[in-house]
Amino acid sequence: MRAKLFAYCLLSNLLLMPIIPLLGQTADFSSLKEEAGLMEDFLQRAQRLQLLGYYSEALENYDLVIERAAKGQLIDDMLEAIEGKGVTLWNLGRMKEAAEWFSRGASLAKEWFITAYQRFFDTCLTIYELYQEGKERRERLDYKGAIDCFQRAIDLAAELRYREFELKCLRQASLVYFDRNELDQFYRSNEKALRIARLLNHKLEEGRCLNNIALSQL
């Protein structure tokens, strides 16, 4: 899943393909093979938009894949699109919606006995739960508990090789360090998060990290 996405990113950057979503196109497909080919085109476009940081546009393309794949019962394409949609929603800060799609993906994978995807979506849901618990513990001034939650989420993100999860958990953990007046840790967490944000072309998170780094120098 992840390796395929990054391989495509390298190829697409070389080719400099257009990034305008294929919206409103219609075609009369005579075979399942043609339909599957179209799904692959939409998926690759959505993945490239996501990697370039065009999250809203990527979301539109993932939705197209999910809609068409559901009609044609193209389960693999649907699960891959749900994966991309969930992570893209996470990038947009819409965590609850992301978790809802991860839950749908887990249910669908279970129904079709696709264990690899079921494990993936279950892990995503665990990361979401740890992220939420970390924020709640910070609000209750349980700083050690909050850091533990964010670190466990970061470790799971590393297992999935999804830096998107790690990025937001790192930045949230940094706020706990700020509350504890541990400014060195606050700075280091944001510096690491900044490198990830730039790798992911996540401009909003990049700006937040830069602001926090500047704050640590005051």
Protein backbone atom coordinates (compact mmCIF):
# COMPACT_ATOMS: atom_id res chain seq x y z
CA MET A 1 0.00 0.00 0.00
CA ARG A 2 2.46 2.64 1.22
CA ALA A 3 5.37 1.46 -0.96
CA LYS A 4 3.19 1.57 -4.03
CA LEU A 5 2.09 5.11 -3.22
CA PHE A 6 5.65 6.41 -2.80
CA ALA A 7 6.85 4.67 -5.96
CA TYR A 8 4.13 6.41 -7.88
CA CYS A 9 5.05 9.74 -6.33
CA LEU A 10 8.65 9.45 -7.59
CA LEU A 11 7.49 8.57 -11.08
CA SER A 12 4.84 11.27 -11.26
CA ASN A 13 7.24 13.98 -10.11
CA LEU A 14 9.53 13.06 -12.98
CA LEU A 15 6.74 13.14 -15.49
CA LEU A 16 5.14 16.30 -14.08
CA MET A 17 1.65 15.08 -14.83
CA PRO A 18 -1.27 17.57 -14.65
CA ILE A 19 -2.93 17.77 -11.27
CA ILE A 20 -6.43 18.86 -12.35
CA PRO A 21 -8.93 16.28 -11.03
CA LEU A 22 -10.84 14.29 -13.63
CA LEU A 23 -14.29 15.57 -12.73
CA GLY A 24 -17.41 15.26 -14.80
CA GLN A 25 -15.98 12.78 -17.29
CA THR A 26 -18.29 10.04 -18.45
CA ALA A 27 -17.63 6.96 -20.48
CA ASP A 28 -19.45 3.89 -21.64
CA PHE A 29 -17.38 0.96 -20.32
CA SER A 30 -17.77 -2.32 -22.13
CA SER A 31 -15.77 -4.44 -19.72
CA LEU A 32 -14.72 -4.74 -16.11
CA LYS A 33 -11.11 -4.36 -17.24
CA GLU A 34 -11.81 -0.88 -18.58
CA GLU A 35 -13.59 0.08 -15.38
CA ALA A 36 -10.67 -1.18 -13.29
CA GLY A 37 -8.29 0.82 -15.46
CA LEU A 38 -10.26 3.98 -14.83
CA MET A 39 -10.24 3.31 -11.09
CA GLU A 40 -6.44 2.99 -11.21
CA ASP A 41 -6.20 6.36 -12.98
CA PHE A 42 -8.39 8.05 -10.37
CA LEU A 43 -6.45 6.42 -7.53
CA GLN A 44 -3.09 7.48 -8.89
CA ARG A 45 -4.32 11.03 -9.40
CA ALA A 46 -5.76 11.18 -5.87
CA GLN A 47 -2.55 9.80 -4.37
CA ARG A 48 -0.40 12.27 -6.26
CA LEU A 49 -2.60 15.20 -5.21
CA GLN A 50 -2.38 13.99 -1.61
CA LEU A 51 1.41 13.76 -1.74
CA LEU A 52 1.64 17.24 -3.21
CA GLY A 53 -0.47 18.66 -0.38
CA TYR A 54 -3.65 19.29 -2.40
CA TYR A 55 -5.87 17.57 0.14
CA SER A 56 -9.29 18.87 -0.86
CA GLU A 57 -8.68 17.94 -4.48
CA ALA A 58 -7.37 14.52 -3.47
CA LEU A 59 -10.51 13.97 -1.41
CA GLU A 60 -12.71 14.61 -4.46
CA ASN A 61 -10.86 11.97 -6.45
CA TYR A 62 -10.98 9.42 -3.63
CA ASP A 63 -14.73 9.98 -3.41
CA LEU A 64 -15.05 9.27 -7.14
CA VAL A 65 -13.17 6.00 -6.75
CA ILE A 66 -15.25 4.92 -3.75
CA GLU A 67 -18.51 5.70 -5.55
CA ARG A 68 -17.60 3.88 -8.76
CA ALA A 69 -15.86 0.99 -7.02
CA ALA A 70 -18.95 0.39 -4.88
CA LYS A 71 -21.12 0.13 -8.00
CA GLY A 72 -18.73 -2.32 -9.64
CA GLN A 73 -17.87 -4.17 -6.42
CA LEU A 74 -14.17 -3.49 -6.99
CA ILE A 75 -13.24 -4.18 -3.37
CA ASP A 76 -9.47 -3.69 -3.59
CA ASP A 77 -9.89 -0.29 -5.24
CA MET A 78 -12.51 0.71 -2.70
CA LEU A 79 -10.31 -0.23 0.27
CA GLU A 80 -7.32 1.59 -1.19
CA ALA A 81 -9.46 4.69 -1.74
CA ILE A 82 -10.89 4.49 1.79
CA GLU A 83 -7.32 4.29 3.10
CA GLY A 84 -6.38 7.41 1.15
CA LYS A 85 -9.55 9.26 2.09
CA GLY A 86 -9.10 8.55 5.79
CA VAL A 87 -5.50 9.76 5.82
CA THR A 88 -6.43 12.82 3.75
CA LEU A 89 -9.20 13.71 6.21
CA TRP A 90 -6.63 13.33 8.99
CA ASN A 91 -4.34 15.76 7.16
CA LEU A 92 -7.22 18.23 6.97
CA GLY A 93 -7.70 18.02 10.73
CA ARG A 94 -11.02 16.17 10.37
CA MET A 95 -10.02 13.35 12.70
CA LYS A 96 -13.49 12.17 13.65
CA GLU A 97 -14.46 11.79 10.00
CA ALA A 98 -11.19 10.01 9.32
CA ALA A 99 -11.94 7.53 12.11
CA GLU A 100 -15.42 6.93 10.69
CA TRP A 101 -13.91 5.98 7.33
CA PHE A 102 -11.26 3.80 8.96
CA SER A 103 -14.10 2.02 10.74
CA ARG A 104 -15.95 1.52 7.45
CA GLY A 105 -12.79 0.17 5.89
CA ALA A 106 -12.25 -2.26 8.76
CA SER A 107 -15.81 -3.56 8.48
CA LEU A 108 -15.56 -3.99 4.72
CA ALA A 109 -12.19 -5.74 4.96
CA LYS A 110 -13.57 -8.07 7.62
CA GLU A 111 -16.60 -8.85 5.48
CA TRP A 112 -14.36 -9.79 2.53
CA PHE A 113 -11.74 -11.56 4.69
CA ILE A 114 -8.95 -9.17 3.68
CA THR A 115 -6.94 -9.42 6.88
CA ALA A 116 -4.07 -7.09 5.92
CA TYR A 117 -6.45 -4.20 5.37
CA GLN A 118 -8.45 -5.06 8.47
CA ARG A 119 -5.28 -4.87 10.59
CA PHE A 120 -4.32 -1.61 8.92
CA PHE A 121 -7.66 0.09 9.60
CA ASP A 122 -7.82 -1.28 13.16
CA THR A 123 -4.37 0.22 13.81
CA CYS A 124 -5.50 3.56 12.38
CA LEU A 125 -8.45 3.53 14.77
CA THR A 126 -6.13 2.79 17.68
CA ILE A 127 -3.94 5.74 16.70
CA TYR A 128 -7.03 7.97 16.60
CA GLU A 129 -8.13 6.78 20.05
CA LEU A 130 -4.65 7.37 21.51
CA TYR A 131 -4.52 10.83 19.90
CA GLN A 132 -7.86 11.78 21.43
CA GLU A 133 -6.93 10.33 24.81
CA GLY A 134 -3.65 12.25 24.76
CA LYS A 135 -5.49 15.52 24.20
CA GLU A 136 -7.97 14.73 26.95
CA ARG A 137 -5.21 13.84 29.41
CA ARG A 138 -3.45 17.11 28.64
CA GLU A 139 -6.65 19.00 29.44
CA ARG A 140 -6.81 17.16 32.78
CA LEU A 141 -3.16 18.13 33.41
CA ASP A 142 -2.13 14.47 33.28
CA TYR A 143 1.00 15.35 31.33
CA LYS A 144 2.81 12.04 31.72
CA GLY A 145 -0.27 10.14 30.59
CA ALA A 146 -0.66 12.47 27.61
CA ILE A 147 2.94 11.98 26.50
CA ASP A 148 2.58 8.21 26.85
CA CYS A 149 -0.52 8.23 24.62
CA PHE A 150 1.08 10.36 21.93
CA GLN A 151 4.25 8.24 21.98
CA ARG A 152 2.29 5.01 21.61
CA ALA A 153 0.43 6.55 18.66
CA ILE A 154 3.74 7.63 17.11
CA ASP A 155 5.11 4.10 17.49
CA LEU A 156 2.06 2.64 15.73
CA ALA A 157 2.35 5.24 12.97
CA ALA A 158 5.93 4.11 12.42
CA GLU A 159 4.72 0.52 12.05
CA LEU A 160 2.28 1.66 9.36
CA ARG A 161 4.93 3.92 7.78
CA TYR A 162 2.48 6.80 7.78
CA ARG A 163 4.24 10.01 8.78
CA GLU A 164 0.93 11.90 8.68
CA PHE A 165 -0.11 10.35 12.00
CA GLU A 166 3.31 10.92 13.51
CA LEU A 167 3.28 14.59 12.50
CA LYS A 168 0.16 15.61 14.38
CA CYS A 169 0.99 13.46 17.41
CA LEU A 170 4.45 15.03 17.62
CA ARG A 171 3.04 18.52 17.54
CA GLN A 172 0.40 17.71 20.14
CA ALA A 173 3.07 16.16 22.36
CA SER A 174 5.11 19.33 21.99
CA LEU A 175 2.26 21.32 23.53
CA VAL A 176 2.44 19.11 26.60
CA TYR A 177 6.16 19.90 26.89
CA PHE A 178 5.32 23.59 26.58
CA ASP A 179 2.77 23.31 29.39
CA ARG A 180 5.47 21.69 31.53
CA ASN A 181 7.93 24.44 30.59
CA GLU A 182 10.25 21.87 29.00
CA LEU A 183 11.22 24.20 26.19
CA ASP A 184 14.08 22.06 24.87
CA GLN A 185 11.72 19.15 24.29
CA PHE A 186 9.13 21.57 22.92
CA TYR A 187 11.67 22.82 20.39
CA ARG A 188 12.96 19.35 19.42
CA SER A 189 9.47 17.95 18.90
CA ASN A 190 8.50 20.82 16.65
CA GLU A 191 11.76 20.64 14.74
CA LYS A 192 11.14 16.96 13.99
CA ALA A 193 7.51 17.66 13.11
CA LEU A 194 8.64 20.45 10.78
CA ARG A 195 10.86 18.06 8.81
CA ILE A 196 7.93 15.69 8.39
CA ALA A 197 5.54 18.50 7.41
CA ARG A 198 7.93 19.60 4.67
CA LEU A 199 8.35 16.03 3.47
CA LEU A 200 4.57 15.72 3.21
CA ASN A 201 4.05 19.17 1.64
CA HIS A 202 1.73 19.97 4.55
CA LYS A 203 1.87 23.77 4.53
CA LEU A 204 -0.53 24.35 7.42
CA GLU A 205 1.38 22.04 9.77
CA GLU A 206 4.64 23.54 8.56
CA GLY A 207 3.42 26.99 9.58
CA ARG A 208 2.30 25.77 12.98
CA CYS A 209 5.65 24.13 13.64
CA LEU A 210 7.54 27.27 12.58
CA ASN A 211 5.41 29.38 14.92
CA ASN A 212 6.13 26.99 17.80
CA ILE A 213 9.85 26.98 17.05
CA ALA A 214 9.85 30.78 17.08
CA LEU A 215 7.95 30.72 20.38
CA SER A 216 10.59 28.45 21.91
CA GLN A 217 13.27 31.03 21.15
CA LEU A 218 11.60 33.88 23.03
